[in-house]
Amino acid sequence: MTGTATVLVVEDERELADLFADWLATTYDVRTAYTAAEALDEFDEAVDVVLLDRRLPERSGDDVLEEIHASGHDCQVAMVTAVDPDFDMLELGIDAYVVKPVDRDDLEGLVSRLLARSLYSEEVQEYFALASKRATLETTKQPKELAANERYQELQDAIEEKREDLDSLMSELDDEDFLAVIRGLDDRESATTS
C-alpha cells in the first residue's frame, strides 16, 4: 500500500453513504457505491478498506463480500449495517462488524484500525478478525446465550489457538528480530500515511 489509502463505501442510503464519504475524504481517497453492482464495479486492487452494508437492494452485502473474496485481492472489510449481529456473522470473512448508527469518530477510528491491521502478518490479522467478532457478539448477546452456542465456543477455541500460535511466534524472535519487525511496521505505516 503506497500513498493515500482507498476506502470503498457501499451503502444504499445515499445520504448516509455521502456523509460517510465526506467524513473520510479529508484523509483517504473515497469511492462510493449505492448498489451491489456499483460496488463490484468500483472494487479493484487499489481498494484498501471496504465499508459494506449488509442489506442492499438487488443483492445482499454477503453476496458482494463473496465476490470480493473471489477476486483474490486482500483488503480489509467491515460490515457497517443496521442488521444486529447474530452467530451467522462468524461465517463471514470480515474484519469487523459495526452496527449503525455510527458517528464520525467511530467511523474514522474503524478505518484507521483496519488499515493498521493490514500491515500485520496474516496470523495477526486473523487473530484481530476473530477477536473483533467475539467483541461484537459479547456486546449484543446475553452471556447465557453465548455460553449455550456451539459456534461461539468454537470461536473462543479458535481465538485461544491463534493466541497460542502468536505467542509461539513471538517467543522465537530474539530482541534484534523483534526490533526489526517493529521498525518494519513503522516504515510501512509511514509509507501509507505519506
N, C-alpha and C. Protein backbone atom coordinates (compact mmCIF):
# COMPACT_ATOMS: atom_id res chain seq x y z
N MET A 1 0.84 -1.16 0.00
CA MET A 1 0.00 0.00 0.00
C MET A 1 0.89 1.23 0.00
N THR A 2 0.73 2.05 -1.00
CA THR A 2 1.52 3.27 -1.06
C THR A 2 0.59 4.45 -1.23
N GLY A 3 1.03 5.64 -0.79
CA GLY A 3 0.22 6.83 -0.92
C GLY A 3 -0.98 6.79 -0.01
N THR A 4 -2.02 7.50 -0.42
CA THR A 4 -3.24 7.58 0.37
C THR A 4 -4.06 6.31 0.21
N ALA A 5 -4.57 5.82 1.30
CA ALA A 5 -5.39 4.61 1.27
C ALA A 5 -6.72 4.91 0.60
N THR A 6 -7.27 3.88 -0.03
CA THR A 6 -8.56 3.99 -0.72
C THR A 6 -9.62 3.22 0.05
N VAL A 7 -10.74 3.89 0.32
CA VAL A 7 -11.86 3.30 1.04
C VAL A 7 -13.07 3.27 0.11
N LEU A 8 -13.70 2.11 0.03
CA LEU A 8 -14.93 1.95 -0.73
C LEU A 8 -16.10 1.87 0.24
N VAL A 9 -17.01 2.83 0.16
CA VAL A 9 -18.20 2.87 0.99
C VAL A 9 -19.35 2.31 0.17
N VAL A 10 -19.95 1.22 0.65
CA VAL A 10 -21.07 0.57 -0.04
C VAL A 10 -22.29 0.69 0.87
N GLU A 11 -23.22 1.56 0.47
CA GLU A 11 -24.37 1.88 1.32
C GLU A 11 -25.50 2.33 0.40
N ASP A 12 -26.68 1.69 0.50
CA ASP A 12 -27.79 2.06 -0.38
C ASP A 12 -28.52 3.33 0.04
N GLU A 13 -28.37 3.76 1.27
CA GLU A 13 -28.94 5.04 1.69
C GLU A 13 -27.97 6.13 1.26
N ARG A 14 -28.32 6.81 0.16
CA ARG A 14 -27.40 7.77 -0.47
C ARG A 14 -26.89 8.83 0.49
N GLU A 15 -27.79 9.41 1.27
CA GLU A 15 -27.38 10.47 2.19
C GLU A 15 -26.33 9.97 3.18
N LEU A 16 -26.56 8.77 3.68
CA LEU A 16 -25.63 8.20 4.64
C LEU A 16 -24.29 7.86 3.97
N ALA A 17 -24.35 7.27 2.79
CA ALA A 17 -23.12 6.95 2.05
C ALA A 17 -22.33 8.21 1.79
N ASP A 18 -23.01 9.27 1.35
CA ASP A 18 -22.32 10.52 1.06
C ASP A 18 -21.75 11.16 2.33
N LEU A 19 -22.48 11.02 3.44
CA LEU A 19 -21.98 11.53 4.72
C LEU A 19 -20.71 10.79 5.12
N PHE A 20 -20.74 9.46 5.05
CA PHE A 20 -19.55 8.67 5.36
C PHE A 20 -18.38 9.09 4.47
N ALA A 21 -18.65 9.26 3.19
CA ALA A 21 -17.61 9.65 2.24
C ALA A 21 -17.04 11.02 2.61
N ASP A 22 -17.90 11.96 2.96
CA ASP A 22 -17.42 13.30 3.36
C ASP A 22 -16.53 13.23 4.59
N TRP A 23 -16.95 12.42 5.56
CA TRP A 23 -16.16 12.29 6.79
C TRP A 23 -14.76 11.74 6.50
N LEU A 24 -14.68 10.81 5.59
CA LEU A 24 -13.41 10.12 5.33
C LEU A 24 -12.54 10.80 4.27
N ALA A 25 -13.14 11.64 3.45
CA ALA A 25 -12.44 12.23 2.30
C ALA A 25 -11.29 13.16 2.69
N THR A 26 -11.28 13.65 3.91
CA THR A 26 -10.19 14.52 4.33
C THR A 26 -8.89 13.74 4.54
N THR A 27 -9.01 12.43 4.72
CA THR A 27 -7.84 11.59 5.00
C THR A 27 -7.57 10.55 3.93
N TYR A 28 -8.62 10.09 3.26
CA TYR A 28 -8.49 8.95 2.33
C TYR A 28 -9.09 9.28 0.96
N ASP A 29 -8.68 8.50 -0.03
CA ASP A 29 -9.39 8.50 -1.31
C ASP A 29 -10.64 7.67 -1.07
N VAL A 30 -11.80 8.20 -1.38
CA VAL A 30 -13.05 7.51 -1.09
C VAL A 30 -13.84 7.29 -2.37
N ARG A 31 -14.31 6.07 -2.53
CA ARG A 31 -15.23 5.71 -3.60
C ARG A 31 -16.56 5.36 -2.94
N THR A 32 -17.65 5.69 -3.61
CA THR A 32 -18.97 5.42 -3.05
C THR A 32 -19.78 4.58 -4.03
N ALA A 33 -20.47 3.58 -3.51
CA ALA A 33 -21.36 2.74 -4.30
C ALA A 33 -22.68 2.61 -3.56
N TYR A 34 -23.79 2.75 -4.30
CA TYR A 34 -25.12 2.69 -3.69
C TYR A 34 -25.83 1.36 -3.95
N THR A 35 -25.23 0.53 -4.79
CA THR A 35 -25.81 -0.79 -5.09
C THR A 35 -24.70 -1.83 -5.10
N ALA A 36 -25.09 -3.09 -5.08
CA ALA A 36 -24.10 -4.17 -5.16
C ALA A 36 -23.35 -4.10 -6.48
N ALA A 37 -24.07 -3.86 -7.57
CA ALA A 37 -23.43 -3.79 -8.89
C ALA A 37 -22.39 -2.67 -8.93
N GLU A 38 -22.75 -1.50 -8.40
CA GLU A 38 -21.79 -0.38 -8.36
C GLU A 38 -20.59 -0.74 -7.49
N ALA A 39 -20.84 -1.44 -6.40
CA ALA A 39 -19.74 -1.83 -5.50
C ALA A 39 -18.74 -2.70 -6.24
N LEU A 40 -19.25 -3.66 -6.99
CA LEU A 40 -18.35 -4.56 -7.72
C LEU A 40 -17.64 -3.84 -8.85
N ASP A 41 -18.29 -2.84 -9.45
CA ASP A 41 -17.63 -2.03 -10.48
C ASP A 41 -16.52 -1.17 -9.89
N GLU A 42 -16.77 -0.63 -8.70
CA GLU A 42 -15.79 0.26 -8.05
C GLU A 42 -14.64 -0.50 -7.39
N PHE A 43 -14.86 -1.76 -7.07
CA PHE A 43 -13.85 -2.54 -6.36
C PHE A 43 -12.74 -2.98 -7.31
N ASP A 44 -11.50 -2.71 -6.91
CA ASP A 44 -10.34 -3.20 -7.65
C ASP A 44 -9.15 -3.29 -6.68
N GLU A 45 -7.97 -3.57 -7.23
CA GLU A 45 -6.78 -3.79 -6.39
C GLU A 45 -6.35 -2.55 -5.61
N ALA A 46 -6.84 -1.37 -5.98
CA ALA A 46 -6.45 -0.15 -5.28
C ALA A 46 -7.20 0.03 -3.96
N VAL A 47 -8.29 -0.69 -3.78
CA VAL A 47 -9.12 -0.55 -2.57
C VAL A 47 -8.44 -1.23 -1.39
N ASP A 48 -8.27 -0.47 -0.31
CA ASP A 48 -7.64 -0.98 0.90
C ASP A 48 -8.65 -1.40 1.96
N VAL A 49 -9.77 -0.67 2.02
CA VAL A 49 -10.81 -0.94 3.01
C VAL A 49 -12.18 -0.84 2.33
N VAL A 50 -13.05 -1.80 2.64
CA VAL A 50 -14.43 -1.74 2.17
C VAL A 50 -15.33 -1.64 3.40
N LEU A 51 -16.20 -0.63 3.40
CA LEU A 51 -17.24 -0.49 4.42
C LEU A 51 -18.54 -0.90 3.74
N LEU A 52 -19.06 -2.05 4.14
CA LEU A 52 -20.12 -2.72 3.38
C LEU A 52 -21.40 -2.86 4.19
N ASP A 53 -22.49 -2.33 3.63
CA ASP A 53 -23.80 -2.53 4.24
C ASP A 53 -24.24 -3.97 3.96
N ARG A 54 -24.88 -4.58 4.90
CA ARG A 54 -25.28 -5.98 4.72
C ARG A 54 -26.56 -6.10 3.89
N ARG A 55 -27.41 -5.10 3.95
CA ARG A 55 -28.66 -5.12 3.18
C ARG A 55 -28.55 -4.14 2.03
N LEU A 56 -28.57 -4.66 0.82
CA LEU A 56 -28.54 -3.85 -0.38
C LEU A 56 -29.73 -4.24 -1.24
N PRO A 57 -30.18 -3.37 -2.15
CA PRO A 57 -31.42 -3.62 -2.89
C PRO A 57 -31.47 -4.93 -3.70
N GLU A 58 -30.60 -5.11 -4.66
CA GLU A 58 -30.76 -6.26 -5.55
C GLU A 58 -29.94 -7.48 -5.14
N ARG A 59 -28.89 -7.29 -4.39
CA ARG A 59 -28.07 -8.39 -3.87
C ARG A 59 -27.63 -8.01 -2.46
N SER A 60 -27.39 -9.00 -1.65
CA SER A 60 -27.01 -8.71 -0.27
C SER A 60 -25.53 -8.33 -0.18
N GLY A 61 -25.20 -7.69 0.93
CA GLY A 61 -23.80 -7.39 1.20
C GLY A 61 -22.98 -8.67 1.32
N ASP A 62 -23.62 -9.74 1.80
CA ASP A 62 -22.94 -11.04 1.90
C ASP A 62 -22.51 -11.51 0.51
N ASP A 63 -23.38 -11.30 -0.50
CA ASP A 63 -23.03 -11.67 -1.88
C ASP A 63 -21.85 -10.85 -2.39
N VAL A 64 -21.89 -9.55 -2.11
CA VAL A 64 -20.78 -8.67 -2.51
C VAL A 64 -19.49 -9.14 -1.85
N LEU A 65 -19.59 -9.49 -0.58
CA LEU A 65 -18.43 -9.98 0.16
C LEU A 65 -17.83 -11.21 -0.50
N GLU A 66 -18.68 -12.15 -0.92
CA GLU A 66 -18.19 -13.34 -1.61
C GLU A 66 -17.43 -12.98 -2.89
N GLU A 67 -17.95 -12.01 -3.64
CA GLU A 67 -17.28 -11.56 -4.87
C GLU A 67 -15.93 -10.92 -4.55
N ILE A 68 -15.89 -10.14 -3.48
CA ILE A 68 -14.63 -9.50 -3.08
C ILE A 68 -13.59 -10.58 -2.76
N HIS A 69 -13.99 -11.58 -2.00
CA HIS A 69 -13.06 -12.66 -1.66
C HIS A 69 -12.65 -13.45 -2.89
N ALA A 70 -13.59 -13.67 -3.80
CA ALA A 70 -13.30 -14.42 -5.02
C ALA A 70 -12.30 -13.69 -5.91
N SER A 71 -12.22 -12.38 -5.77
CA SER A 71 -11.29 -11.60 -6.60
C SER A 71 -9.83 -11.89 -6.26
N GLY A 72 -9.61 -12.39 -5.04
CA GLY A 72 -8.25 -12.68 -4.61
C GLY A 72 -7.51 -11.47 -4.05
N HIS A 73 -8.12 -10.29 -4.12
CA HIS A 73 -7.50 -9.08 -3.58
C HIS A 73 -7.66 -9.05 -2.07
N ASP A 74 -6.56 -8.88 -1.37
CA ASP A 74 -6.55 -8.90 0.09
C ASP A 74 -6.76 -7.48 0.61
N CYS A 75 -7.97 -7.18 1.04
CA CYS A 75 -8.25 -5.89 1.65
C CYS A 75 -9.04 -6.12 2.92
N GLN A 76 -9.16 -5.10 3.73
CA GLN A 76 -9.91 -5.17 4.97
C GLN A 76 -11.38 -4.87 4.68
N VAL A 77 -12.29 -5.65 5.25
CA VAL A 77 -13.72 -5.44 5.02
C VAL A 77 -14.44 -5.36 6.37
N ALA A 78 -15.23 -4.31 6.51
CA ALA A 78 -16.07 -4.16 7.70
C ALA A 78 -17.52 -4.08 7.25
N MET A 79 -18.38 -4.85 7.90
CA MET A 79 -19.82 -4.69 7.71
C MET A 79 -20.23 -3.52 8.59
N VAL A 80 -20.81 -2.50 7.98
CA VAL A 80 -21.36 -1.36 8.71
C VAL A 80 -22.83 -1.37 8.35
N THR A 81 -23.65 -1.83 9.29
CA THR A 81 -25.01 -2.20 8.94
C THR A 81 -25.99 -1.99 10.08
N ALA A 82 -27.26 -1.91 9.75
CA ALA A 82 -28.31 -1.82 10.77
C ALA A 82 -28.75 -3.21 11.23
N VAL A 83 -28.20 -4.24 10.62
CA VAL A 83 -28.55 -5.62 10.97
C VAL A 83 -27.80 -6.02 12.24
N ASP A 84 -28.56 -6.31 13.29
CA ASP A 84 -27.91 -6.75 14.52
C ASP A 84 -27.16 -8.05 14.24
N PRO A 85 -25.99 -8.19 14.81
CA PRO A 85 -25.21 -9.40 14.54
C PRO A 85 -25.83 -10.62 15.20
N ASP A 86 -25.71 -11.71 14.52
CA ASP A 86 -26.12 -13.00 15.07
C ASP A 86 -24.94 -13.95 14.84
N PHE A 87 -25.07 -15.16 15.27
CA PHE A 87 -23.96 -16.09 15.19
C PHE A 87 -23.55 -16.39 13.75
N ASP A 88 -24.43 -16.11 12.78
CA ASP A 88 -24.06 -16.33 11.37
C ASP A 88 -22.92 -15.42 10.93
N MET A 89 -22.72 -14.30 11.65
CA MET A 89 -21.62 -13.40 11.28
C MET A 89 -20.25 -14.04 11.49
N LEU A 90 -20.21 -15.11 12.25
CA LEU A 90 -18.94 -15.81 12.45
C LEU A 90 -18.47 -16.47 11.17
N GLU A 91 -19.40 -16.76 10.27
CA GLU A 91 -19.06 -17.41 9.00
C GLU A 91 -18.58 -16.41 7.95
N LEU A 92 -18.84 -15.13 8.18
CA LEU A 92 -18.47 -14.12 7.20
C LEU A 92 -16.98 -13.85 7.25
N GLY A 93 -16.37 -13.70 6.13
CA GLY A 93 -14.95 -13.36 6.06
C GLY A 93 -14.75 -11.87 6.17
N ILE A 94 -15.05 -11.34 7.35
CA ILE A 94 -14.94 -9.90 7.58
C ILE A 94 -13.93 -9.63 8.68
N ASP A 95 -13.48 -8.38 8.70
CA ASP A 95 -12.50 -7.97 9.70
C ASP A 95 -13.14 -7.22 10.87
N ALA A 96 -14.35 -6.71 10.65
CA ALA A 96 -15.07 -6.01 11.72
C ALA A 96 -16.56 -5.98 11.36
N TYR A 97 -17.39 -5.88 12.40
CA TYR A 97 -18.84 -5.79 12.22
C TYR A 97 -19.32 -4.66 13.11
N VAL A 98 -19.88 -3.62 12.52
CA VAL A 98 -20.30 -2.43 13.25
C VAL A 98 -21.78 -2.20 12.98
N VAL A 99 -22.54 -2.00 14.05
CA VAL A 99 -23.97 -1.75 13.91
C VAL A 99 -24.22 -0.24 13.90
N LYS A 100 -24.96 0.22 12.88
CA LYS A 100 -25.35 1.62 12.78
C LYS A 100 -26.39 1.92 13.86
N PRO A 101 -26.46 3.13 14.33
CA PRO A 101 -25.77 4.31 13.81
C PRO A 101 -24.31 4.37 14.25
N VAL A 102 -23.51 5.01 13.44
CA VAL A 102 -22.10 5.19 13.72
C VAL A 102 -21.77 6.66 13.54
N ASP A 103 -20.97 7.20 14.45
CA ASP A 103 -20.62 8.62 14.31
C ASP A 103 -19.27 8.76 13.62
N ARG A 104 -18.89 9.99 13.36
CA ARG A 104 -17.68 10.28 12.61
C ARG A 104 -16.43 9.70 13.28
N ASP A 105 -16.31 9.91 14.58
CA ASP A 105 -15.13 9.40 15.29
C ASP A 105 -15.04 7.88 15.21
N ASP A 106 -16.19 7.22 15.37
CA ASP A 106 -16.22 5.75 15.29
C ASP A 106 -15.81 5.27 13.90
N LEU A 107 -16.34 5.93 12.88
CA LEU A 107 -16.04 5.52 11.50
C LEU A 107 -14.56 5.75 11.17
N GLU A 108 -14.06 6.92 11.52
CA GLU A 108 -12.64 7.21 11.26
C GLU A 108 -11.75 6.25 12.04
N GLY A 109 -12.10 5.96 13.29
CA GLY A 109 -11.33 5.02 14.10
C GLY A 109 -11.35 3.62 13.50
N LEU A 110 -12.51 3.21 13.02
CA LEU A 110 -12.64 1.90 12.39
C LEU A 110 -11.71 1.78 11.19
N VAL A 111 -11.74 2.75 10.30
CA VAL A 111 -10.89 2.70 9.11
C VAL A 111 -9.42 2.72 9.50
N SER A 112 -9.08 3.55 10.46
CA SER A 112 -7.69 3.61 10.92
C SER A 112 -7.21 2.27 11.48
N ARG A 113 -8.05 1.63 12.30
CA ARG A 113 -7.69 0.32 12.86
C ARG A 113 -7.55 -0.74 11.77
N LEU A 114 -8.47 -0.72 10.82
CA LEU A 114 -8.40 -1.71 9.74
C LEU A 114 -7.13 -1.52 8.90
N LEU A 115 -6.77 -0.29 8.64
CA LEU A 115 -5.54 -0.05 7.88
C LEU A 115 -4.31 -0.48 8.67
N ALA A 116 -4.33 -0.24 9.98
CA ALA A 116 -3.20 -0.67 10.81
C ALA A 116 -3.09 -2.19 10.79
N ARG A 117 -4.24 -2.87 10.89
CA ARG A 117 -4.23 -4.33 10.85
C ARG A 117 -3.68 -4.87 9.55
N SER A 118 -3.92 -4.16 8.46
CA SER A 118 -3.47 -4.65 7.16
C SER A 118 -1.95 -4.71 7.07
N LEU A 119 -1.28 -4.02 7.98
CA LEU A 119 0.19 -4.04 7.99
C LEU A 119 0.74 -5.27 8.70
N TYR A 120 -0.10 -5.92 9.47
CA TYR A 120 0.35 -7.07 10.24
C TYR A 120 0.39 -8.34 9.40
N SER A 121 1.05 -9.33 9.93
CA SER A 121 1.09 -10.63 9.26
C SER A 121 -0.31 -11.22 9.20
N GLU A 122 -0.48 -12.20 8.36
CA GLU A 122 -1.77 -12.86 8.22
C GLU A 122 -2.23 -13.46 9.55
N GLU A 123 -1.30 -14.01 10.31
CA GLU A 123 -1.65 -14.60 11.62
C GLU A 123 -2.27 -13.56 12.55
N VAL A 124 -1.65 -12.38 12.60
CA VAL A 124 -2.15 -11.33 13.48
C VAL A 124 -3.49 -10.80 12.97
N GLN A 125 -3.61 -10.65 11.65
CA GLN A 125 -4.88 -10.20 11.06
C GLN A 125 -6.01 -11.16 11.42
N GLU A 126 -5.75 -12.45 11.31
CA GLU A 126 -6.77 -13.45 11.64
C GLU A 126 -7.16 -13.35 13.12
N TYR A 127 -6.18 -13.14 13.98
CA TYR A 127 -6.46 -13.01 15.41
C TYR A 127 -7.37 -11.81 15.67
N PHE A 128 -7.03 -10.65 15.08
CA PHE A 128 -7.84 -9.46 15.28
C PHE A 128 -9.25 -9.63 14.72
N ALA A 129 -9.39 -10.28 13.58
CA ALA A 129 -10.71 -10.50 13.00
C ALA A 129 -11.56 -11.37 13.93
N LEU A 130 -10.97 -12.43 14.47
CA LEU A 130 -11.69 -13.30 15.40
C LEU A 130 -12.06 -12.54 16.68
N ALA A 131 -11.13 -11.79 17.21
CA ALA A 131 -11.38 -11.04 18.45
C ALA A 131 -12.46 -9.98 18.23
N SER A 132 -12.47 -9.36 17.06
CA SER A 132 -13.49 -8.36 16.73
C SER A 132 -14.87 -8.99 16.67
N LYS A 133 -14.97 -10.17 16.08
CA LYS A 133 -16.25 -10.88 16.02
C LYS A 133 -16.73 -11.22 17.43
N ARG A 134 -15.82 -11.69 18.27
CA ARG A 134 -16.20 -12.02 19.64
C ARG A 134 -16.70 -10.78 20.37
N ALA A 135 -16.00 -9.67 20.23
CA ALA A 135 -16.41 -8.44 20.91
C ALA A 135 -17.79 -7.99 20.44
N THR A 136 -18.05 -8.12 19.16
CA THR A 136 -19.37 -7.74 18.63
C THR A 136 -20.46 -8.59 19.25
N LEU A 137 -20.26 -9.89 19.28
CA LEU A 137 -21.26 -10.77 19.87
C LEU A 137 -21.44 -10.51 21.36
N GLU A 138 -20.35 -10.26 22.06
CA GLU A 138 -20.43 -10.05 23.50
C GLU A 138 -21.16 -8.77 23.87
N THR A 139 -21.21 -7.80 22.94
CA THR A 139 -21.95 -6.57 23.24
C THR A 139 -23.42 -6.66 22.86
N THR A 140 -23.79 -7.71 22.12
CA THR A 140 -25.19 -7.81 21.65
C THR A 140 -25.93 -9.05 22.15
N LYS A 141 -25.23 -9.99 22.71
CA LYS A 141 -25.86 -11.23 23.18
C LYS A 141 -25.70 -11.37 24.68
N GLN A 142 -26.65 -12.06 25.29
CA GLN A 142 -26.59 -12.32 26.73
C GLN A 142 -25.55 -13.42 27.01
N PRO A 143 -24.88 -13.36 28.16
CA PRO A 143 -23.87 -14.37 28.49
C PRO A 143 -24.40 -15.81 28.40
N LYS A 144 -25.64 -16.03 28.84
CA LYS A 144 -26.21 -17.38 28.77
C LYS A 144 -26.34 -17.85 27.33
N GLU A 145 -26.75 -16.94 26.45
CA GLU A 145 -26.90 -17.29 25.03
C GLU A 145 -25.54 -17.62 24.42
N LEU A 146 -24.53 -16.85 24.79
CA LEU A 146 -23.17 -17.12 24.30
C LEU A 146 -22.68 -18.47 24.78
N ALA A 147 -22.86 -18.72 26.05
CA ALA A 147 -22.36 -19.97 26.64
C ALA A 147 -23.04 -21.19 26.04
N ALA A 148 -24.28 -21.03 25.59
CA ALA A 148 -25.03 -22.17 25.05
C ALA A 148 -24.81 -22.38 23.55
N ASN A 149 -24.10 -21.45 22.91
CA ASN A 149 -23.96 -21.54 21.46
C ASN A 149 -22.65 -22.23 21.07
N GLU A 150 -22.77 -23.29 20.30
CA GLU A 150 -21.60 -24.07 19.89
C GLU A 150 -20.64 -23.26 19.02
N ARG A 151 -21.19 -22.42 18.13
CA ARG A 151 -20.32 -21.62 17.26
C ARG A 151 -19.51 -20.61 18.05
N TYR A 152 -20.13 -20.04 19.09
CA TYR A 152 -19.40 -19.12 19.95
C TYR A 152 -18.26 -19.83 20.67
N GLN A 153 -18.53 -21.04 21.14
CA GLN A 153 -17.49 -21.82 21.81
C GLN A 153 -16.35 -22.15 20.85
N GLU A 154 -16.71 -22.47 19.60
CA GLU A 154 -15.68 -22.72 18.58
C GLU A 154 -14.86 -21.46 18.31
N LEU A 155 -15.53 -20.31 18.33
CA LEU A 155 -14.82 -19.03 18.17
C LEU A 155 -13.84 -18.83 19.31
N GLN A 156 -14.28 -19.08 20.54
CA GLN A 156 -13.40 -18.95 21.70
C GLN A 156 -12.16 -19.86 21.55
N ASP A 157 -12.41 -21.08 21.12
CA ASP A 157 -11.30 -22.03 20.92
C ASP A 157 -10.35 -21.55 19.83
N ALA A 158 -10.90 -21.01 18.74
CA ALA A 158 -10.07 -20.52 17.64
C ALA A 158 -9.22 -19.33 18.09
N ILE A 159 -9.79 -18.46 18.91
CA ILE A 159 -9.05 -17.31 19.42
C ILE A 159 -7.90 -17.79 20.31
N GLU A 160 -8.18 -18.73 21.19
CA GLU A 160 -7.14 -19.25 22.08
C GLU A 160 -6.03 -19.93 21.28
N GLU A 161 -6.42 -20.70 20.28
CA GLU A 161 -5.43 -21.38 19.45
C GLU A 161 -4.57 -20.36 18.69
N LYS A 162 -5.20 -19.33 18.17
CA LYS A 162 -4.46 -18.29 17.44
C LYS A 162 -3.53 -17.54 18.39
N ARG A 163 -4.00 -17.28 19.61
CA ARG A 163 -3.17 -16.59 20.60
C ARG A 163 -1.93 -17.44 20.94
N GLU A 164 -2.14 -18.74 21.09
CA GLU A 164 -1.01 -19.63 21.37
C GLU A 164 -0.02 -19.64 20.20
N ASP A 165 -0.55 -19.65 18.97
CA ASP A 165 0.32 -19.59 17.78
C ASP A 165 1.15 -18.31 17.77
N LEU A 166 0.50 -17.20 18.09
CA LEU A 166 1.20 -15.91 18.10
C LEU A 166 2.24 -15.85 19.22
N ASP A 167 1.87 -16.39 20.39
CA ASP A 167 2.84 -16.43 21.50
C ASP A 167 4.06 -17.25 21.10
N SER A 168 3.82 -18.35 20.41
CA SER A 168 4.92 -19.20 19.96
C SER A 168 5.81 -18.46 18.95
N LEU A 169 5.17 -17.76 18.02
CA LEU A 169 5.95 -16.99 17.03
C LEU A 169 6.78 -15.91 17.71
N MET A 170 6.17 -15.21 18.68
CA MET A 170 6.88 -14.13 19.37
C MET A 170 8.05 -14.68 20.18
N SER A 171 7.88 -15.85 20.76
CA SER A 171 8.95 -16.41 21.58
C SER A 171 10.15 -16.81 20.73
N GLU A 172 9.93 -17.04 19.44
CA GLU A 172 11.01 -17.43 18.55
C GLU A 172 11.85 -16.24 18.10
N LEU A 173 11.32 -15.01 18.30
CA LEU A 173 12.06 -13.82 17.89
C LEU A 173 13.04 -13.41 18.99
N ASP A 174 14.27 -13.13 18.59
CA ASP A 174 15.18 -12.55 19.58
C ASP A 174 14.96 -11.04 19.56
N ASP A 175 15.65 -10.30 20.44
CA ASP A 175 15.44 -8.86 20.55
C ASP A 175 15.67 -8.14 19.23
N GLU A 176 16.70 -8.54 18.51
CA GLU A 176 17.03 -7.90 17.24
C GLU A 176 15.93 -8.14 16.21
N ASP A 177 15.42 -9.36 16.15
CA ASP A 177 14.33 -9.68 15.22
C ASP A 177 13.08 -8.88 15.56
N PHE A 178 12.78 -8.81 16.86
CA PHE A 178 11.59 -8.09 17.29
C PHE A 178 11.68 -6.62 16.89
N LEU A 179 12.84 -5.99 17.13
CA LEU A 179 13.02 -4.59 16.75
C LEU A 179 12.91 -4.40 15.24
N ALA A 180 13.42 -5.35 14.48
CA ALA A 180 13.32 -5.27 13.02
C ALA A 180 11.85 -5.33 12.57
N VAL A 181 11.07 -6.17 13.22
CA VAL A 181 9.65 -6.26 12.89
C VAL A 181 8.96 -4.94 13.20
N ILE A 182 9.22 -4.39 14.38
CA ILE A 182 8.60 -3.12 14.77
C ILE A 182 9.03 -2.00 13.82
N ARG A 183 10.31 -1.93 13.50
CA ARG A 183 10.78 -0.91 12.55
C ARG A 183 10.09 -1.08 11.20
N GLY A 184 9.94 -2.31 10.78
CA GLY A 184 9.28 -2.59 9.50
C GLY A 184 7.85 -2.12 9.50
N LEU A 185 7.13 -2.34 10.61
CA LEU A 185 5.76 -1.86 10.71
C LEU A 185 5.72 -0.34 10.69
N ASP A 186 6.65 0.30 11.43
CA ASP A 186 6.70 1.76 11.43
C ASP A 186 6.96 2.30 10.03
N ASP A 187 7.90 1.67 9.31
CA ASP A 187 8.22 2.10 7.95
C ASP A 187 7.03 1.93 7.03
N ARG A 188 6.33 0.79 7.15
CA ARG A 188 5.17 0.53 6.29
C ARG A 188 4.03 1.49 6.63
N GLU A 189 3.83 1.77 7.90
CA GLU A 189 2.76 2.67 8.29
C GLU A 189 3.04 4.09 7.82
N SER A 190 4.29 4.56 7.95
CA SER A 190 4.59 5.91 7.49
C SER A 190 4.48 6.02 5.97
N ALA A 191 4.75 4.92 5.27
CA ALA A 191 4.61 4.94 3.81
C ALA A 191 3.14 5.06 3.41
N THR A 192 2.23 4.52 4.22
CA THR A 192 0.80 4.58 3.87
C THR A 192 0.19 5.92 4.23
N THR A 193 0.81 6.67 5.11
CA THR A 193 0.23 7.95 5.51
C THR A 193 0.90 9.12 4.81
N SER A 194 1.90 8.85 3.99
CA SER A 194 2.55 9.96 3.29
C SER A 194 1.99 10.17 1.92
